[in-house]
Amino acid sequence: MTTPETTQASQTPGESSMSQKNIILLFIGLMITMLLAALNQTVLSTALPTIVGELHGVDQMTWVITSYILASTIVMPVYGRISDLLGRKPVILTAIVLFIAGSIVGALAGDIIWLIVGRVIQGLGGGGLMILSQAAIADVVSPRDRGKYMGFMGAVFAVASVAGPLLGGWLTEGPGWRWAFWLNVPLGALAIAATIVFMRLPKPQHSERPKLDYTGMALIAAATTALVLMCTWGGHTYDWASPQIIGLGIASVVLAVAFVFVEKRAQTPIIPMQLFSNRNFTLVTIAALMVGITMFGALGYMPTYIQMVTGVDATVAGLYMIPMMGGLLITSIASGQIISRTGRYKVFPLVGSVIIGIALALLSTMHVDTPTWLMCVYLAVFGIGLGLAMQVLTLIVQNEFPGALVGTATAANNYFRQVGATLGSAIVGSIFASRLVDLLSERLGGTGAAAGGSSGRNDLTPAAVNSLPDQIRIPIIESYNDALLPIFLFFVPLAVAALIVLLFVDEKPLSTKVRDVAEVEGVGEGQVLPEPFDVPSRESDTTVRSSLTKARERADV
């Protein structure tokens, strides 16, 4: 989608045709929309043990988390591309409605299967909320000024990381966990109102109706699903060497190759392959994948771990996550402000990757007797690393492309980050569940129902564990600790890999203007479009080629 054609040369750097007041109002609306999605990822974390215990589905706990992430991952590139073609506003409204519908299904769920179905529908809407919010602010704010806005967007995740668990804990202990879903209905209505009132962006103009890449959508959905199923079921439901897991692995590779083949020939591809000829885009996308694996792999199960091992209730478990929120909040906002003032950004994700690796190593050393204050320190370190890395990676990608492609590029980058999130959650969940069952059987054997059959394990809740005698409770919480935390140590090399990749990022000057397809700064200096983008050779890439050609012509003039 393009920014307003009325942008005048007399504007000061960083301005768009929208007034500053309108930009702030738009930003408020986008923050509400992002908060809706961010809260949904964390509000169930403290409530999850109780939910799966009441619905008799502890063995399906992984899917309550993974199903949402999987669904949102699949639709991310679709939302990004369609919003570039049809406009942000109608697409984001559709996403909010889907999200509300999924929340209603989850609130009414009578068993674990319907809960998972509700989470899938939520994910189909939630996948567009964050992507479209990031793309919409890129339509009206220059990359140079966008740093401070991205910092506040990162702060939304920080607030949600604590407010979500606290809210989930309070609801679980008060009116009930179903209100964690019902709450999304009024919040969603508020997000719809804010979008209708504040989001006033021009619609993209096309000489003919754009053709959507339905084949690409189907292939990317199938490939992503096969990959996630392989990681979720491998070593738990099926052996890693089983025909099912091997078949899923082969299917994911074949479908991915088919997707690339189709995208190279599609008129309006979901993920244009030319994006990957941009060096910074490719490097940052790889780093985002690594960060996604480490972030969601570690954070997805920490509130559950805190409740089970420390014996606190859901609300207190949420309070224990505040140090992580504080670290993320401070570094996200501070780094955004510094980037907007100086235009320098490369150092932040580099330092962030180092800190993330250190935090993962520290978390892996905890045991059931670790002091609470020390655990909070480790979580704060992790939050500092995430705050330095997360939003800056998105800014780097957006600085590389004109407005006609910013939604597509943002969505593609976030898609791979979410693939990492899905893999991280699936891998940790699969290994954790498998190790937990083995450790419980080894340490408790036939002692008590809690360690006995499948039904006993599936009904374990923090309250139930805390009510057990010490001879049963202690082996259970030790099993939780030993099943989960050592996995974090294996994520440290991923943080190192992200660091190495980011070292090769070329720190280009941040543009001081909002980039329309007809106005792109520094093309001759390689600040926006790398050479491979200038002359796409395939006739099928009509939309990408025409947008970039117009940008080059205006820059030459």
Protein backbone atom coordinates (compact mmCIF):
# COMPACT_ATOMS: atom_id res chain seq x y z
CA MET A 1 0.00 0.00 0.00
CA THR A 2 1.26 3.46 -0.81
CA THR A 3 1.44 6.46 1.42
CA PRO A 4 -0.41 9.61 0.38
CA GLU A 5 0.60 11.01 -2.98
CA THR A 6 0.30 14.49 -1.51
CA THR A 7 3.62 14.37 0.29
CA GLN A 8 5.31 17.66 -0.45
CA ALA A 9 8.99 18.45 -0.80
CA SER A 10 8.59 21.24 1.74
CA GLN A 11 7.90 18.80 4.55
CA THR A 12 10.49 18.45 7.22
CA PRO A 13 12.32 15.13 7.53
CA GLY A 14 10.25 12.43 9.10
CA GLU A 15 6.89 13.92 8.23
CA SER A 16 4.22 12.43 6.04
CA SER A 17 1.15 14.10 4.59
CA MET A 18 -0.70 13.24 7.82
CA SER A 19 -0.52 15.77 10.63
CA GLN A 20 1.36 14.85 13.77
CA LYS A 21 -1.93 14.77 15.69
CA ASN A 22 -3.47 12.29 13.24
CA ILE A 23 -0.36 10.13 13.36
CA ILE A 24 -0.57 9.99 17.15
CA LEU A 25 -4.26 9.09 17.02
CA LEU A 26 -3.53 6.39 14.45
CA PHE A 27 -0.70 5.10 16.62
CA ILE A 28 -3.02 4.88 19.64
CA GLY A 29 -5.45 2.79 17.61
CA LEU A 30 -2.65 0.52 16.44
CA MET A 31 -1.37 0.12 20.01
CA ILE A 32 -4.83 -1.04 21.10
CA THR A 33 -4.86 -3.58 18.27
CA MET A 34 -1.37 -4.83 19.12
CA LEU A 35 -2.28 -5.06 22.80
CA LEU A 36 -5.20 -7.31 21.87
CA ALA A 37 -2.85 -9.74 20.11
CA ALA A 38 -0.02 -9.47 22.65
CA LEU A 39 -2.28 -10.10 25.65
CA ASN A 40 -3.67 -13.20 23.97
CA GLN A 41 -0.21 -14.74 23.80
CA THR A 42 0.38 -14.33 27.54
CA VAL A 43 -2.99 -14.27 29.33
CA LEU A 44 -3.30 -18.06 29.19
CA SER A 45 0.21 -18.75 30.47
CA THR A 46 -0.69 -18.72 34.18
CA ALA A 47 -4.17 -20.11 33.57
CA LEU A 48 -2.97 -22.96 31.35
CA PRO A 49 -2.23 -25.55 34.05
CA THR A 50 -5.72 -25.09 35.51
CA ILE A 51 -7.41 -25.06 32.08
CA VAL A 52 -5.86 -28.31 30.84
CA GLY A 53 -6.39 -29.92 34.22
CA GLU A 54 -10.12 -29.10 34.24
CA LEU A 55 -10.52 -30.16 30.61
CA HIS A 56 -8.52 -33.37 31.22
CA GLY A 57 -5.95 -32.55 28.57
CA VAL A 58 -2.52 -32.09 30.13
CA ASP A 59 -1.11 -34.29 27.36
CA GLN A 60 -2.51 -31.77 24.83
CA MET A 61 -1.12 -28.70 26.63
CA THR A 62 1.43 -28.10 23.88
CA TRP A 63 -1.33 -27.68 21.31
CA VAL A 64 -3.11 -24.97 23.29
CA ILE A 65 -0.02 -22.81 22.71
CA THR A 66 1.23 -24.20 19.42
CA SER A 67 -2.13 -24.14 17.60
CA TYR A 68 -2.43 -20.37 17.98
CA ILE A 69 1.14 -19.72 16.89
CA LEU A 70 0.83 -22.11 13.94
CA ALA A 71 -2.38 -20.54 12.66
CA SER A 72 -1.06 -16.99 13.04
CA THR A 73 2.20 -17.94 11.33
CA ILE A 74 0.46 -19.38 8.28
CA VAL A 75 -1.60 -16.25 7.61
CA MET A 76 1.09 -13.62 8.30
CA PRO A 77 2.50 -13.39 4.75
CA VAL A 78 -1.05 -13.54 3.38
CA TYR A 79 -2.12 -10.54 5.45
CA GLY A 80 0.98 -8.59 4.50
CA ARG A 81 0.58 -9.11 0.77
CA ILE A 82 -3.19 -8.60 0.66
CA SER A 83 -2.92 -5.37 2.68
CA ASP A 84 -0.33 -4.04 0.21
CA LEU A 85 -2.77 -4.79 -2.61
CA LEU A 86 -6.14 -3.92 -1.06
CA GLY A 87 -5.30 -1.52 1.76
CA ARG A 88 -4.65 -1.91 5.49
CA LYS A 89 -8.02 -0.93 6.96
CA PRO A 90 -10.41 -3.61 5.59
CA VAL A 91 -7.83 -6.33 6.15
CA ILE A 92 -7.15 -5.40 9.78
CA LEU A 93 -10.89 -5.22 10.50
CA THR A 94 -11.27 -8.74 9.12
CA ALA A 95 -8.45 -9.92 11.36
CA ILE A 96 -10.06 -8.43 14.47
CA VAL A 97 -13.44 -10.05 13.71
CA LEU A 98 -11.79 -13.46 13.27
CA PHE A 99 -9.94 -12.99 16.53
CA ILE A 100 -13.15 -12.20 18.41
CA ALA A 101 -14.90 -15.23 16.86
CA GLY A 102 -12.09 -17.52 18.03
CA SER A 103 -12.28 -16.03 21.52
CA ILE A 104 -15.99 -16.86 21.74
CA VAL A 105 -15.34 -20.46 20.68
CA GLY A 106 -12.58 -20.76 23.30
CA ALA A 107 -14.80 -19.30 26.02
CA LEU A 108 -17.54 -21.84 25.29
CA ALA A 109 -15.18 -24.82 24.89
CA GLY A 110 -16.43 -27.93 26.67
CA ASP A 111 -13.31 -30.01 26.13
CA ILE A 112 -9.67 -29.60 25.13
CA ILE A 113 -10.40 -30.17 21.41
CA TRP A 114 -12.82 -27.25 21.19
CA LEU A 115 -10.38 -25.10 23.11
CA ILE A 116 -7.72 -25.85 20.51
CA VAL A 117 -10.21 -25.11 17.71
CA GLY A 118 -10.91 -21.72 19.29
CA ARG A 119 -7.19 -21.03 19.51
CA VAL A 120 -6.77 -21.84 15.81
CA ILE A 121 -9.50 -19.34 14.86
CA GLN A 122 -7.93 -16.78 17.17
CA GLY A 123 -4.61 -17.35 15.42
CA LEU A 124 -6.15 -16.81 11.98
CA GLY A 125 -7.09 -13.32 13.14
CA GLY A 126 -4.17 -12.64 15.46
CA GLY A 127 -1.63 -13.25 12.70
CA GLY A 128 -2.73 -10.04 11.04
CA LEU A 129 -3.01 -7.78 14.07
CA MET A 130 0.69 -7.24 14.75
CA ILE A 131 1.83 -7.35 11.12
CA LEU A 132 -0.70 -4.81 9.91
CA SER A 133 -0.04 -2.50 12.86
CA GLN A 134 3.67 -2.42 12.04
CA ALA A 135 2.98 -1.91 8.33
CA ALA A 136 0.42 0.85 8.93
CA ILE A 137 2.80 2.97 11.01
CA ALA A 138 5.42 2.50 8.27
CA ASP A 139 2.93 4.10 5.84
CA VAL A 140 3.04 7.44 7.66
CA VAL A 141 6.33 7.63 9.61
CA SER A 142 9.84 7.66 8.14
CA PRO A 143 12.34 4.94 9.08
CA ARG A 144 14.43 7.47 11.01
CA ASP A 145 11.51 8.56 13.20
CA ARG A 146 10.00 5.09 13.24
CA GLY A 147 12.57 3.91 15.77
CA LYS A 148 10.80 5.59 18.68
CA TYR A 149 7.41 4.26 17.54
CA MET A 150 8.84 0.75 17.25
CA GLY A 151 10.22 1.15 20.75
CA PHE A 152 6.75 1.81 22.13
CA MET A 153 5.36 -1.09 20.12
CA GLY A 154 7.95 -3.29 21.78
CA ALA A 155 6.79 -1.85 25.10
CA VAL A 156 3.30 -3.22 24.35
CA PHE A 157 4.76 -6.73 24.38
CA ALA A 158 6.58 -5.95 27.61
CA VAL A 159 3.40 -4.77 29.32
CA ALA A 160 1.45 -7.73 27.94
CA SER A 161 4.13 -10.15 29.13
CA VAL A 162 3.28 -9.21 32.72
CA ALA A 163 -0.27 -7.87 32.49
CA GLY A 164 -1.33 -11.04 30.63
CA PRO A 165 -0.12 -13.53 33.25
CA LEU A 166 -1.41 -11.33 36.08
CA LEU A 167 -4.78 -10.95 34.42
CA GLY A 168 -4.91 -14.65 33.60
CA GLY A 169 -4.06 -15.54 37.17
CA TRP A 170 -6.63 -13.18 38.64
CA LEU A 171 -9.34 -14.45 36.30
CA THR A 172 -8.46 -18.08 37.03
CA GLU A 173 -8.73 -17.58 40.76
CA GLY A 174 -11.76 -15.28 40.51
CA PRO A 175 -14.52 -15.44 37.88
CA GLY A 176 -12.86 -18.31 36.04
CA TRP A 177 -10.38 -18.89 33.18
CA ARG A 178 -13.09 -18.59 30.51
CA TRP A 179 -13.10 -14.85 31.12
CA ALA A 180 -9.61 -14.78 29.64
CA PHE A 181 -11.45 -15.40 26.34
CA TRP A 182 -14.57 -13.33 27.03
CA LEU A 183 -12.35 -10.34 27.79
CA ASN A 184 -11.28 -10.24 24.14
CA VAL A 185 -14.82 -9.36 23.02
CA PRO A 186 -14.96 -5.81 24.48
CA LEU A 187 -11.26 -5.29 23.72
CA GLY A 188 -11.89 -6.38 20.15
CA ALA A 189 -14.85 -4.01 19.87
CA LEU A 190 -12.61 -1.18 21.10
CA ALA A 191 -9.96 -2.13 18.54
CA ILE A 192 -12.59 -2.10 15.75
CA ALA A 193 -13.80 1.35 16.82
CA ALA A 194 -10.24 2.69 17.00
CA THR A 195 -9.44 1.29 13.56
CA ILE A 196 -12.56 2.76 11.96
CA VAL A 197 -12.08 6.20 13.53
CA PHE A 198 -8.30 6.65 13.46
CA MET A 199 -7.03 4.63 10.49
CA ARG A 200 -7.52 6.93 7.54
CA LEU A 201 -5.01 5.78 4.98
CA PRO A 202 -5.48 6.03 1.19
CA LYS A 203 -6.37 2.89 -0.70
CA PRO A 204 -3.88 1.62 -3.27
CA GLN A 205 -4.88 2.27 -6.86
CA HIS A 206 -4.72 -0.50 -9.46
CA SER A 207 -5.48 -0.39 -13.16
CA GLU A 208 -6.99 -3.84 -12.83
CA ARG A 209 -8.10 -6.05 -9.94
CA PRO A 210 -5.08 -7.77 -8.36
CA LYS A 211 -4.98 -11.56 -8.66
CA LEU A 212 -4.38 -13.26 -5.34
CA ASP A 213 -1.90 -16.10 -5.13
CA TYR A 214 -4.19 -18.84 -3.81
CA THR A 215 -1.80 -21.63 -4.78
CA GLY A 216 1.02 -19.99 -2.84
CA MET A 217 -1.26 -19.54 0.18
CA ALA A 218 -2.17 -23.23 0.19
CA LEU A 219 1.42 -24.39 -0.24
CA ILE A 220 2.88 -22.20 2.51
CA ALA A 221 0.10 -23.31 4.88
CA ALA A 222 0.71 -26.99 4.12
CA ALA A 223 4.51 -26.72 4.38
CA THR A 224 4.35 -24.85 7.70
CA THR A 225 1.83 -27.30 9.14
CA ALA A 226 3.92 -30.32 8.15
CA LEU A 227 7.02 -28.81 9.73
CA VAL A 228 5.26 -27.96 13.00
CA LEU A 229 3.58 -31.39 13.23
CA MET A 230 6.96 -33.04 12.76
CA CYS A 231 8.48 -31.04 15.62
CA THR A 232 5.42 -31.42 17.86
CA TRP A 233 4.95 -35.17 17.45
CA GLY A 234 8.61 -36.15 17.08
CA GLY A 235 9.99 -37.97 20.11
CA HIS A 236 6.64 -37.79 21.91
CA THR A 237 3.67 -39.07 19.96
CA TYR A 238 5.91 -40.82 17.43
CA ASP A 239 9.55 -41.83 17.43
CA TRP A 240 11.85 -39.51 15.48
CA ALA A 241 12.72 -42.38 13.15
CA SER A 242 9.09 -43.38 12.62
CA PRO A 243 7.51 -43.30 9.14
CA GLN A 244 5.11 -40.58 10.29
CA ILE A 245 7.86 -38.16 11.32
CA ILE A 246 10.08 -38.94 8.35
CA GLY A 247 7.09 -38.52 6.04
CA LEU A 248 6.25 -35.13 7.55
CA GLY A 249 9.85 -34.03 7.14
CA ILE A 250 9.89 -35.02 3.48
CA ALA A 251 6.49 -33.40 2.91
CA SER A 252 7.63 -30.07 4.43
CA VAL A 253 10.69 -29.98 2.16
CA VAL A 254 8.74 -30.92 -0.98
CA LEU A 255 5.99 -28.38 -0.23
CA ALA A 256 8.56 -25.66 0.47
CA VAL A 257 10.29 -26.31 -2.87
CA ALA A 258 6.92 -26.26 -4.63
CA PHE A 259 6.10 -22.95 -2.92
CA VAL A 260 9.32 -21.35 -4.17
CA PHE A 261 8.62 -22.66 -7.69
CA VAL A 262 5.09 -21.22 -7.67
CA GLU A 263 6.13 -17.87 -6.17
CA LYS A 264 8.70 -17.28 -8.90
CA ARG A 265 5.92 -17.49 -11.50
CA ALA A 266 3.02 -15.87 -9.65
CA GLN A 267 1.79 -12.46 -10.77
CA THR A 268 1.32 -11.25 -7.18
CA PRO A 269 3.33 -13.69 -5.03
CA ILE A 270 2.67 -13.93 -1.30
CA ILE A 271 6.42 -13.77 -0.62
CA PRO A 272 8.26 -12.38 -3.68
CA MET A 273 11.50 -14.32 -4.04
CA GLN A 274 13.27 -11.09 -5.01
CA LEU A 275 13.08 -10.06 -1.35
CA PHE A 276 15.83 -12.55 -0.61
CA SER A 277 18.20 -10.91 -3.09
CA ASN A 278 18.36 -8.09 -0.52
CA ARG A 279 21.26 -9.02 1.74
CA ASN A 280 20.02 -7.24 4.85
CA PHE A 281 16.55 -8.74 4.51
CA THR A 282 17.97 -12.26 4.29
CA LEU A 283 20.38 -11.83 7.21
CA VAL A 284 17.84 -10.17 9.48
CA THR A 285 15.22 -12.80 8.63
CA ILE A 286 17.62 -15.58 9.65
CA ALA A 287 18.36 -13.75 12.91
CA ALA A 288 14.63 -13.24 13.54
CA LEU A 289 14.08 -16.98 13.10
CA MET A 290 16.72 -17.72 15.74
CA VAL A 291 15.35 -15.12 18.17
CA GLY A 292 11.82 -16.48 17.69
CA ILE A 293 12.90 -20.00 18.62
CA THR A 294 14.70 -18.87 21.79
CA MET A 295 12.06 -16.37 22.91
CA PHE A 296 8.92 -18.49 22.64
CA GLY A 297 10.71 -21.71 23.50
CA ALA A 298 11.74 -20.24 26.84
CA LEU A 299 8.86 -17.92 27.74
CA GLY A 300 5.98 -20.17 26.72
CA TYR A 301 6.42 -22.47 29.70
CA MET A 302 8.01 -20.24 32.35
CA PRO A 303 4.76 -19.21 34.13
CA THR A 304 3.71 -22.88 34.31
CA TYR A 305 7.15 -23.79 35.65
CA ILE A 306 6.98 -21.05 38.29
CA GLN A 307 3.60 -22.24 39.56
CA MET A 308 4.55 -25.89 39.70
CA VAL A 309 8.02 -25.54 41.20
CA THR A 310 7.63 -22.60 43.59
CA GLY A 311 4.08 -23.47 44.66
CA VAL A 312 2.75 -19.93 44.19
CA ASP A 313 -0.66 -19.21 42.71
CA ALA A 314 -1.26 -17.93 39.19
CA THR A 315 -1.33 -14.26 40.18
CA VAL A 316 1.98 -14.38 42.01
CA ALA A 317 3.51 -16.30 39.10
CA GLY A 318 2.54 -13.36 36.91
CA LEU A 319 4.20 -10.95 39.35
CA TYR A 320 7.41 -12.94 39.10
CA MET A 321 7.49 -12.09 35.39
CA ILE A 322 7.60 -8.32 36.07
CA PRO A 323 11.43 -8.12 36.02
CA MET A 324 11.45 -9.50 32.49
CA MET A 325 8.83 -6.93 31.49
CA GLY A 326 10.87 -4.15 33.07
CA GLY A 327 14.00 -5.12 31.18
CA LEU A 328 12.16 -5.40 27.87
CA LEU A 329 10.21 -2.16 28.43
CA ILE A 330 13.23 -0.03 29.29
CA THR A 331 15.56 -1.29 26.57
CA SER A 332 12.89 -1.30 23.86
CA ILE A 333 11.90 2.33 24.43
CA ALA A 334 15.45 3.54 25.10
CA SER A 335 16.92 1.87 22.01
CA GLY A 336 14.09 3.29 19.86
CA GLN A 337 14.74 6.83 21.10
CA ILE A 338 18.50 6.51 20.52
CA ILE A 339 17.97 5.15 17.01
CA SER A 340 15.68 8.07 16.09
CA ARG A 341 18.25 10.59 17.37
CA THR A 342 21.41 9.03 15.95
CA GLY A 343 20.23 6.89 13.03
CA ARG A 344 22.50 4.06 14.25
CA TYR A 345 20.90 0.70 14.94
CA LYS A 346 23.20 -2.25 14.25
CA VAL A 347 24.74 -2.40 17.73
CA PHE A 348 21.43 -3.02 19.49
CA PRO A 349 20.50 -6.46 18.05
CA LEU A 350 24.16 -7.51 18.35
CA VAL A 351 24.25 -6.76 22.07
CA GLY A 352 20.75 -8.16 22.44
CA SER A 353 21.80 -11.52 20.95
CA VAL A 354 24.69 -11.79 23.40
CA ILE A 355 22.46 -11.00 26.38
CA ILE A 356 19.79 -13.48 25.23
CA GLY A 357 22.41 -16.23 25.08
CA ILE A 358 23.69 -15.37 28.56
CA ALA A 359 20.15 -15.32 29.97
CA LEU A 360 19.30 -18.73 28.50
CA ALA A 361 22.44 -20.21 30.01
CA LEU A 362 21.59 -18.71 33.41
CA LEU A 363 17.99 -19.97 33.31
CA SER A 364 19.17 -23.48 32.52
CA THR A 365 21.14 -23.58 35.80
CA MET A 366 18.12 -23.06 38.06
CA HIS A 367 16.83 -25.78 40.35
CA VAL A 368 13.92 -26.15 42.76
CA ASP A 369 15.88 -24.47 45.56
CA THR A 370 17.00 -21.45 43.51
CA PRO A 371 16.06 -18.22 45.37
CA THR A 372 13.15 -16.35 43.86
CA TRP A 373 15.13 -13.12 43.60
CA LEU A 374 17.81 -14.85 41.53
CA MET A 375 15.21 -16.27 39.14
CA CYS A 376 13.80 -12.74 38.72
CA VAL A 377 17.28 -11.43 37.92
CA TYR A 378 17.73 -14.05 35.21
CA LEU A 379 14.33 -13.17 33.73
CA ALA A 380 15.26 -9.47 33.76
CA VAL A 381 18.44 -10.22 31.82
CA PHE A 382 16.40 -12.14 29.27
CA GLY A 383 13.99 -9.20 28.92
CA ILE A 384 16.85 -6.77 28.35
CA GLY A 385 18.16 -8.90 25.49
CA LEU A 386 14.74 -9.20 23.86
CA GLY A 387 14.09 -5.47 24.14
CA LEU A 388 17.31 -4.66 22.31
CA ALA A 389 16.70 -7.08 19.45
CA MET A 390 13.02 -7.56 18.65
CA GLN A 391 11.70 -4.33 17.12
CA VAL A 392 15.02 -3.21 15.65
CA LEU A 393 15.05 -6.21 13.32
CA THR A 394 11.69 -5.12 11.89
CA LEU A 395 12.97 -1.57 11.41
CA ILE A 396 16.00 -2.79 9.45
CA VAL A 397 13.76 -4.71 7.07
CA GLN A 398 11.36 -1.80 6.55
CA ASN A 399 14.26 0.55 5.78
CA GLU A 400 15.15 -1.56 2.75
CA PHE A 401 11.91 -1.26 0.76
CA PRO A 402 9.43 1.32 -0.61
CA GLY A 403 5.88 1.67 0.65
CA ALA A 404 4.40 -0.65 -1.98
CA LEU A 405 6.36 -3.55 -0.49
CA VAL A 406 6.70 -2.64 3.18
CA GLY A 407 3.72 -4.75 4.25
CA THR A 408 4.92 -7.75 2.28
CA ALA A 409 8.50 -7.44 3.56
CA THR A 410 7.38 -6.90 7.18
CA ALA A 411 5.05 -9.90 7.00
CA ALA A 412 7.69 -12.14 5.41
CA ASN A 413 10.23 -11.27 8.09
CA ASN A 414 7.71 -11.81 10.89
CA TYR A 415 6.57 -15.05 9.26
CA PHE A 416 10.01 -16.57 9.70
CA ARG A 417 10.19 -15.21 13.24
CA GLN A 418 6.88 -16.88 13.96
CA VAL A 419 8.10 -20.08 12.34
CA GLY A 420 10.87 -19.91 14.90
CA ALA A 421 8.31 -19.26 17.64
CA THR A 422 6.26 -22.24 16.50
CA LEU A 423 9.29 -24.48 16.32
CA GLY A 424 10.53 -23.25 19.68
CA SER A 425 7.21 -23.91 21.40
CA ALA A 426 6.73 -27.23 19.64
CA ILE A 427 10.26 -28.49 20.31
CA VAL A 428 10.28 -27.43 23.96
CA GLY A 429 6.75 -28.74 24.49
CA SER A 430 7.50 -32.09 22.87
CA ILE A 431 10.78 -32.67 24.69
CA PHE A 432 9.39 -31.33 27.96
CA ALA A 433 6.31 -33.57 27.89
CA SER A 434 8.35 -36.64 26.98
CA ARG A 435 11.00 -36.00 29.64
CA LEU A 436 8.37 -35.21 32.26
CA VAL A 437 6.53 -38.50 31.73
CA ASP A 438 9.80 -40.45 31.92
CA LEU A 439 11.00 -38.64 35.03
CA LEU A 440 7.66 -39.02 36.83
CA SER A 441 7.58 -42.73 36.05
CA GLU A 442 11.18 -43.12 37.15
CA ARG A 443 10.89 -41.20 40.41
CA LEU A 444 7.39 -42.16 41.47
CA GLY A 445 6.73 -45.44 39.74
CA GLY A 446 3.35 -46.65 40.91
CA THR A 447 3.21 -44.24 43.87
CA GLY A 448 -0.02 -42.31 43.86
CA ALA A 449 -2.39 -41.46 41.08
CA ALA A 450 -0.37 -38.42 40.19
CA ALA A 451 2.38 -40.52 38.75
CA GLY A 452 0.25 -43.35 37.59
CA GLY A 453 -1.76 -43.65 34.47
CA SER A 454 -2.33 -41.16 31.77
CA SER A 455 -5.47 -39.86 33.42
CA GLY A 456 -3.63 -38.98 36.61
CA ARG A 457 -0.94 -37.06 34.77
CA ASN A 458 -3.49 -35.24 32.65
CA ASP A 459 -5.33 -33.96 35.73
CA LEU A 460 -2.25 -32.46 37.40
CA THR A 461 -2.78 -28.80 38.31
CA PRO A 462 -0.62 -26.52 40.51
CA ALA A 463 -3.25 -26.67 43.24
CA ALA A 464 -3.40 -30.46 43.08
CA VAL A 465 0.39 -30.78 43.24
CA ASN A 466 0.68 -28.37 46.17
CA SER A 467 -1.88 -30.40 48.13
CA LEU A 468 0.11 -33.65 47.82
CA PRO A 469 2.34 -34.95 50.62
CA ASP A 470 6.03 -34.09 50.29
CA GLN A 471 7.09 -37.60 49.33
CA ILE A 472 5.02 -37.22 46.16
CA ARG A 473 5.07 -33.44 45.63
CA ILE A 474 8.85 -33.01 45.75
CA PRO A 475 9.60 -35.65 43.08
CA ILE A 476 6.94 -34.06 40.86
CA ILE A 477 8.34 -30.52 41.07
CA GLU A 478 11.88 -31.84 40.67
CA SER A 479 10.71 -33.64 37.56
CA TYR A 480 9.21 -30.40 36.19
CA ASN A 481 12.49 -28.60 36.82
CA ASP A 482 14.72 -31.28 35.33
CA ALA A 483 12.42 -31.85 32.36
CA LEU A 484 12.25 -28.20 31.26
CA LEU A 485 15.21 -26.01 32.21
CA PRO A 486 18.12 -28.03 30.73
CA ILE A 487 16.44 -27.60 27.32
CA PHE A 488 17.22 -23.86 27.46
CA LEU A 489 20.94 -24.56 27.35
CA PHE A 490 20.57 -26.09 23.89
CA PHE A 491 19.12 -22.76 22.66
CA VAL A 492 22.30 -20.83 23.47
CA PRO A 493 23.97 -21.77 20.13
CA LEU A 494 20.97 -20.24 18.35
CA ALA A 495 21.65 -16.90 20.04
CA VAL A 496 25.29 -17.22 18.97
CA ALA A 497 24.18 -17.96 15.40
CA ALA A 498 21.97 -14.83 15.43
CA LEU A 499 24.95 -12.78 16.60
CA ILE A 500 27.20 -14.10 13.82
CA VAL A 501 24.59 -13.46 11.13
CA LEU A 502 23.91 -9.91 12.34
CA LEU A 503 27.62 -9.05 12.19
CA PHE A 504 27.30 -9.09 8.39
CA VAL A 505 24.34 -6.68 8.26
CA ASP A 506 25.20 -3.51 6.34
CA GLU A 507 24.15 -0.54 8.50
CA LYS A 508 22.58 1.77 5.92
CA PRO A 509 21.42 5.30 6.71
CA LEU A 510 17.80 5.44 7.85
CA SER A 511 15.61 7.36 5.42
CA THR A 512 14.18 10.62 6.76
CA LYS A 513 11.10 10.54 4.53
CA VAL A 514 8.06 8.35 4.28
CA ARG A 515 8.73 6.15 1.28
CA ASP A 516 6.08 6.06 -1.36
CA VAL A 517 6.52 3.90 -4.42
CA ALA A 518 7.05 7.18 -6.24
CA GLU A 519 9.55 8.67 -3.79
CA VAL A 520 12.53 6.70 -2.55
CA GLU A 521 15.69 8.23 -1.18
CA GLY A 522 19.20 7.21 -2.03
CA VAL A 523 18.48 4.58 -4.67
CA GLY A 524 21.62 5.57 -6.52
CA GLU A 525 23.63 5.06 -3.34
CA GLY A 526 22.09 1.66 -2.64
CA GLN A 527 20.41 2.85 0.53
CA VAL A 528 17.01 1.43 -0.29
CA LEU A 529 17.04 -1.03 -3.12
CA PRO A 530 19.93 -3.38 -3.82
CA GLU A 531 20.91 -3.87 -7.42
CA PRO A 532 19.09 -7.22 -7.91
CA PHE A 533 15.82 -5.39 -7.26
CA ASP A 534 16.31 -2.88 -10.04
CA VAL A 535 15.62 -5.13 -12.98
CA PRO A 536 13.60 -8.22 -12.10
CA SER A 537 13.80 -10.42 -15.15
CA ARG A 538 10.65 -12.52 -14.87
CA GLU A 539 7.54 -11.29 -16.60
CA SER A 540 5.42 -12.75 -13.80
CA ASP A 541 6.77 -10.26 -11.20
CA THR A 542 4.82 -7.40 -12.76
CA THR A 543 3.70 -5.71 -9.55
CA VAL A 544 7.11 -5.75 -7.89
CA ARG A 545 8.90 -4.61 -11.05
CA SER A 546 6.54 -1.72 -11.77
CA SER A 547 6.71 -0.38 -8.20
CA LEU A 548 10.49 -0.45 -8.14
CA THR A 549 10.83 1.03 -11.63
CA LYS A 550 8.66 4.00 -10.62
CA ALA A 551 10.77 4.49 -7.51
CA ARG A 552 13.97 4.49 -9.59
CA GLU A 553 12.56 6.96 -12.12
CA ARG A 554 11.48 9.43 -9.43
CA ALA A 555 14.82 9.16 -7.63
CA ASP A 556 16.74 9.78 -10.87
CA VAL A 557 14.70 12.92 -11.50
